[in-house]
C-alpha cells in the first residue's frame, strides 16, 4: 500500500480512468473536492485502497450503468461526505 495518499482538494472534479488497474496501489483522500468514479468495481484500483473524507468533506460521484454496484474499498468519514449516483444509461 502507498504511504502517501492521492488527495483531491478544493473546487473541481477529478475523474478516474475508464479502465482502472486492479493492481494500482494508492489510498484516496477527498478534501473539499469531488472524485468521480467509473462503472468498475476496481474504480479506486486495489480493493485494499482506502477512501478517506477529510474534515473539509467532499463528494464522490458514482457513475454506474446499473442501480446495484458494489465497491469494496474501506471508507473513513472525518467530515461531511456526499455520495451521488449518476446513471450512465437513458431511461
N, C-alpha and C. Protein backbone atom coordinates (compact mmCIF):
# COMPACT_ATOMS: atom_id res chain seq x y z
N UNK A 1 0.84 -1.18 0.00
CA UNK A 1 0.00 0.00 0.00
C UNK A 1 0.88 1.24 0.00
N UNK A 2 0.42 2.27 -0.67
CA UNK A 2 1.18 3.50 -0.76
C UNK A 2 1.14 4.24 0.57
N UNK A 3 2.26 4.87 0.94
CA UNK A 3 2.31 5.63 2.18
C UNK A 3 1.64 6.99 2.05
N UNK A 4 1.72 7.60 0.86
CA UNK A 4 1.15 8.92 0.64
C UNK A 4 -0.11 8.80 -0.21
N UNK A 5 -1.25 9.34 0.30
CA UNK A 5 -2.49 9.22 -0.47
C UNK A 5 -2.55 10.21 -1.63
N UNK A 6 -3.39 9.90 -2.60
CA UNK A 6 -3.73 10.86 -3.65
C UNK A 6 -4.84 11.72 -3.08
N UNK A 7 -4.64 13.03 -3.06
CA UNK A 7 -5.59 13.92 -2.40
C UNK A 7 -6.29 14.80 -3.41
N UNK A 8 -7.62 14.85 -3.32
CA UNK A 8 -8.47 15.70 -4.15
C UNK A 8 -8.84 16.89 -3.26
N UNK A 9 -8.33 18.09 -3.62
CA UNK A 9 -8.53 19.27 -2.77
C UNK A 9 -9.25 20.38 -3.54
N UNK A 10 -10.22 21.02 -2.90
CA UNK A 10 -10.85 22.22 -3.44
C UNK A 10 -11.85 21.96 -4.54
N UNK A 11 -12.32 23.06 -5.13
CA UNK A 11 -13.36 23.01 -6.15
C UNK A 11 -12.87 22.26 -7.38
N UNK A 12 -13.79 21.63 -8.07
CA UNK A 12 -13.47 20.91 -9.29
C UNK A 12 -13.75 19.43 -9.15
N UNK A 13 -13.62 18.73 -10.28
CA UNK A 13 -13.92 17.31 -10.34
C UNK A 13 -12.71 16.57 -10.90
N UNK A 14 -12.33 15.49 -10.25
CA UNK A 14 -11.29 14.61 -10.76
C UNK A 14 -11.99 13.32 -11.18
N UNK A 15 -11.86 12.97 -12.46
CA UNK A 15 -12.47 11.74 -12.99
C UNK A 15 -11.42 10.66 -13.13
N UNK A 16 -11.76 9.46 -12.68
CA UNK A 16 -10.84 8.35 -12.76
C UNK A 16 -10.91 7.67 -14.12
N UNK A 17 -9.88 6.93 -14.47
CA UNK A 17 -9.79 6.26 -15.76
C UNK A 17 -10.96 5.32 -15.99
N UNK A 18 -11.33 5.17 -17.23
CA UNK A 18 -12.44 4.29 -17.59
C UNK A 18 -12.10 2.83 -17.33
N UNK A 19 -10.86 2.44 -17.55
CA UNK A 19 -10.42 1.06 -17.33
C UNK A 19 -9.30 1.04 -16.30
N UNK A 20 -9.65 1.10 -15.02
CA UNK A 20 -8.62 1.14 -13.98
C UNK A 20 -7.91 -0.20 -13.83
N UNK A 21 -6.75 -0.15 -13.26
CA UNK A 21 -5.97 -1.36 -13.00
C UNK A 21 -6.21 -1.82 -11.56
N UNK A 22 -6.66 -3.05 -11.41
CA UNK A 22 -6.93 -3.60 -10.08
C UNK A 22 -5.66 -3.71 -9.24
N UNK A 23 -4.51 -3.61 -9.88
CA UNK A 23 -3.24 -3.71 -9.17
C UNK A 23 -2.70 -2.35 -8.73
N UNK A 24 -3.41 -1.26 -9.08
CA UNK A 24 -2.98 0.08 -8.70
C UNK A 24 -3.09 0.24 -7.19
N UNK A 25 -2.00 0.66 -6.54
CA UNK A 25 -1.99 0.81 -5.08
C UNK A 25 -1.83 2.27 -4.70
N UNK A 26 -2.84 2.83 -4.07
CA UNK A 26 -2.80 4.19 -3.51
C UNK A 26 -4.08 4.41 -2.72
N UNK A 27 -3.97 5.10 -1.62
CA UNK A 27 -5.15 5.50 -0.88
C UNK A 27 -5.64 6.82 -1.43
N UNK A 28 -6.92 7.10 -1.26
CA UNK A 28 -7.55 8.30 -1.79
C UNK A 28 -8.04 9.16 -0.64
N UNK A 29 -7.82 10.48 -0.73
CA UNK A 29 -8.25 11.42 0.29
C UNK A 29 -9.03 12.54 -0.41
N UNK A 30 -10.29 12.72 -0.03
CA UNK A 30 -11.12 13.78 -0.60
C UNK A 30 -11.25 14.88 0.43
N UNK A 31 -10.83 16.09 0.06
CA UNK A 31 -10.83 17.22 0.99
C UNK A 31 -11.44 18.44 0.29
N UNK A 32 -12.77 18.49 0.27
CA UNK A 32 -13.46 19.63 -0.32
C UNK A 32 -13.69 19.53 -1.81
N UNK A 33 -13.22 18.48 -2.46
CA UNK A 33 -13.38 18.32 -3.90
C UNK A 33 -14.35 17.22 -4.23
N UNK A 34 -14.38 16.86 -5.51
CA UNK A 34 -15.25 15.81 -6.00
C UNK A 34 -14.42 14.76 -6.74
N UNK A 35 -14.63 13.52 -6.38
CA UNK A 35 -13.98 12.40 -7.04
C UNK A 35 -15.04 11.64 -7.81
N UNK A 36 -14.89 11.56 -9.13
CA UNK A 36 -15.86 10.87 -9.98
C UNK A 36 -15.33 9.47 -10.30
N UNK A 37 -16.07 8.46 -9.81
CA UNK A 37 -15.69 7.07 -10.04
C UNK A 37 -16.45 6.52 -11.24
N UNK A 38 -15.86 5.55 -11.89
CA UNK A 38 -16.48 4.95 -13.07
C UNK A 38 -17.27 3.70 -12.70
N UNK A 39 -17.67 2.98 -13.72
CA UNK A 39 -18.56 1.83 -13.59
C UNK A 39 -17.81 0.52 -13.34
N UNK A 40 -16.65 0.58 -12.73
CA UNK A 40 -15.85 -0.62 -12.49
C UNK A 40 -15.76 -0.89 -10.99
N UNK A 41 -15.82 -2.15 -10.61
CA UNK A 41 -15.69 -2.50 -9.19
C UNK A 41 -14.33 -2.11 -8.63
N UNK A 42 -13.33 -2.02 -9.50
CA UNK A 42 -11.99 -1.64 -9.06
C UNK A 42 -11.68 -0.20 -9.45
N UNK A 43 -12.68 0.66 -9.37
CA UNK A 43 -12.53 2.07 -9.78
C UNK A 43 -11.39 2.77 -9.03
N UNK A 44 -11.15 2.39 -7.78
CA UNK A 44 -10.09 3.01 -6.99
C UNK A 44 -8.80 2.19 -7.03
N UNK A 45 -8.73 1.24 -7.94
CA UNK A 45 -7.56 0.35 -8.01
C UNK A 45 -7.79 -0.85 -7.12
N UNK A 46 -6.77 -1.25 -6.39
CA UNK A 46 -6.88 -2.38 -5.49
C UNK A 46 -8.00 -2.15 -4.48
N UNK A 47 -8.74 -3.21 -4.16
CA UNK A 47 -9.83 -3.06 -3.18
C UNK A 47 -9.31 -2.85 -1.77
N UNK A 48 -8.00 -2.95 -1.59
CA UNK A 48 -7.39 -2.64 -0.29
C UNK A 48 -7.14 -1.13 -0.15
N UNK A 49 -7.24 -0.38 -1.24
CA UNK A 49 -7.05 1.07 -1.20
C UNK A 49 -8.21 1.71 -0.44
N UNK A 50 -7.90 2.62 0.47
CA UNK A 50 -8.96 3.26 1.26
C UNK A 50 -9.38 4.59 0.64
N UNK A 51 -10.59 4.99 0.97
CA UNK A 51 -11.14 6.29 0.58
C UNK A 51 -11.45 7.04 1.86
N UNK A 52 -10.81 8.20 2.06
CA UNK A 52 -11.00 8.98 3.28
C UNK A 52 -11.54 10.36 2.95
N UNK A 53 -12.58 10.77 3.67
CA UNK A 53 -13.08 12.14 3.58
C UNK A 53 -12.44 12.93 4.71
N UNK A 54 -11.71 13.98 4.36
CA UNK A 54 -11.05 14.83 5.36
C UNK A 54 -12.08 15.72 6.05
N UNK A 55 -11.64 16.51 7.01
CA UNK A 55 -12.53 17.40 7.76
C UNK A 55 -13.28 18.36 6.84
N UNK A 56 -12.67 18.74 5.70
CA UNK A 56 -13.32 19.65 4.75
C UNK A 56 -14.45 18.96 3.99
N UNK A 57 -14.58 17.65 4.12
CA UNK A 57 -15.64 16.91 3.44
C UNK A 57 -15.37 16.76 1.96
N UNK A 58 -16.40 16.36 1.22
CA UNK A 58 -16.26 16.20 -0.21
C UNK A 58 -17.36 15.34 -0.78
N UNK A 59 -17.24 15.07 -2.08
CA UNK A 59 -18.26 14.34 -2.80
C UNK A 59 -17.63 13.23 -3.62
N UNK A 60 -18.30 12.10 -3.67
CA UNK A 60 -17.95 11.03 -4.59
C UNK A 60 -19.13 10.84 -5.52
N UNK A 61 -18.87 11.01 -6.82
CA UNK A 61 -19.89 10.75 -7.83
C UNK A 61 -19.64 9.35 -8.38
N UNK A 62 -20.65 8.51 -8.31
CA UNK A 62 -20.53 7.14 -8.78
C UNK A 62 -21.33 7.03 -10.07
N UNK A 63 -20.62 6.93 -11.19
CA UNK A 63 -21.27 6.84 -12.50
C UNK A 63 -21.39 5.37 -12.86
N UNK A 64 -22.60 4.85 -12.78
CA UNK A 64 -22.81 3.41 -12.98
C UNK A 64 -23.94 3.15 -13.98
N UNK A 65 -23.81 2.05 -14.70
CA UNK A 65 -24.83 1.67 -15.68
C UNK A 65 -25.92 0.81 -15.06
N UNK A 66 -25.74 0.42 -13.82
CA UNK A 66 -26.75 -0.37 -13.11
C UNK A 66 -27.02 0.28 -11.76
N UNK A 67 -28.19 -0.01 -11.21
CA UNK A 67 -28.51 0.54 -9.88
C UNK A 67 -27.67 -0.11 -8.79
N UNK A 68 -27.43 -1.39 -8.91
CA UNK A 68 -26.68 -2.11 -7.89
C UNK A 68 -25.20 -2.19 -8.30
N UNK A 69 -24.36 -1.52 -7.57
CA UNK A 69 -22.93 -1.55 -7.83
C UNK A 69 -22.24 -1.71 -6.49
N UNK A 70 -21.26 -2.59 -6.42
CA UNK A 70 -20.54 -2.83 -5.17
C UNK A 70 -19.10 -2.40 -5.31
N UNK A 71 -18.68 -1.53 -4.43
CA UNK A 71 -17.28 -1.13 -4.31
C UNK A 71 -16.84 -1.59 -2.93
N UNK A 72 -15.76 -2.33 -2.85
CA UNK A 72 -15.37 -2.96 -1.59
C UNK A 72 -14.22 -2.26 -0.88
N UNK A 73 -13.96 -1.01 -1.21
CA UNK A 73 -12.88 -0.28 -0.56
C UNK A 73 -13.32 0.21 0.81
N UNK A 74 -12.41 0.21 1.80
CA UNK A 74 -12.74 0.78 3.11
C UNK A 74 -12.90 2.30 3.00
N UNK A 75 -13.85 2.85 3.76
CA UNK A 75 -14.14 4.28 3.74
C UNK A 75 -14.06 4.83 5.16
N UNK A 76 -13.37 5.98 5.32
CA UNK A 76 -13.32 6.69 6.60
C UNK A 76 -13.91 8.07 6.38
N UNK A 77 -14.83 8.47 7.24
CA UNK A 77 -15.50 9.76 7.10
C UNK A 77 -15.13 10.64 8.28
N UNK A 78 -14.36 11.72 8.01
CA UNK A 78 -13.93 12.66 9.03
C UNK A 78 -14.56 14.04 8.84
N UNK A 79 -15.48 14.16 7.90
CA UNK A 79 -16.17 15.41 7.59
C UNK A 79 -17.42 15.07 6.80
N UNK A 80 -18.11 16.09 6.29
CA UNK A 80 -19.31 15.84 5.50
C UNK A 80 -18.95 15.05 4.24
N UNK A 81 -19.66 13.96 4.03
CA UNK A 81 -19.42 13.10 2.86
C UNK A 81 -20.72 12.97 2.08
N UNK A 82 -20.64 13.24 0.78
CA UNK A 82 -21.80 13.12 -0.08
C UNK A 82 -21.51 12.09 -1.15
N UNK A 83 -22.40 11.11 -1.30
CA UNK A 83 -22.30 10.10 -2.33
C UNK A 83 -23.43 10.33 -3.33
N UNK A 84 -23.10 10.49 -4.61
CA UNK A 84 -24.09 10.77 -5.64
C UNK A 84 -24.03 9.68 -6.69
N UNK A 85 -25.14 9.01 -6.95
CA UNK A 85 -25.21 8.01 -8.02
C UNK A 85 -25.68 8.71 -9.28
N UNK A 86 -24.94 8.52 -10.37
CA UNK A 86 -25.31 9.07 -11.67
C UNK A 86 -25.41 7.93 -12.66
N UNK A 87 -26.56 7.78 -13.29
CA UNK A 87 -26.76 6.72 -14.27
C UNK A 87 -26.07 7.09 -15.58
N UNK A 88 -25.45 6.11 -16.20
CA UNK A 88 -24.82 6.33 -17.50
C UNK A 88 -25.69 5.80 -18.63
N UNK A 89 -26.93 5.39 -18.30
CA UNK A 89 -27.86 4.89 -19.30
C UNK A 89 -29.08 5.78 -19.35
N UNK A 90 -29.78 5.79 -20.48
CA UNK A 90 -31.01 6.59 -20.58
C UNK A 90 -32.18 5.76 -20.11
N UNK A 91 -33.21 6.47 -19.66
CA UNK A 91 -34.43 5.78 -19.26
C UNK A 91 -34.51 5.62 -17.84
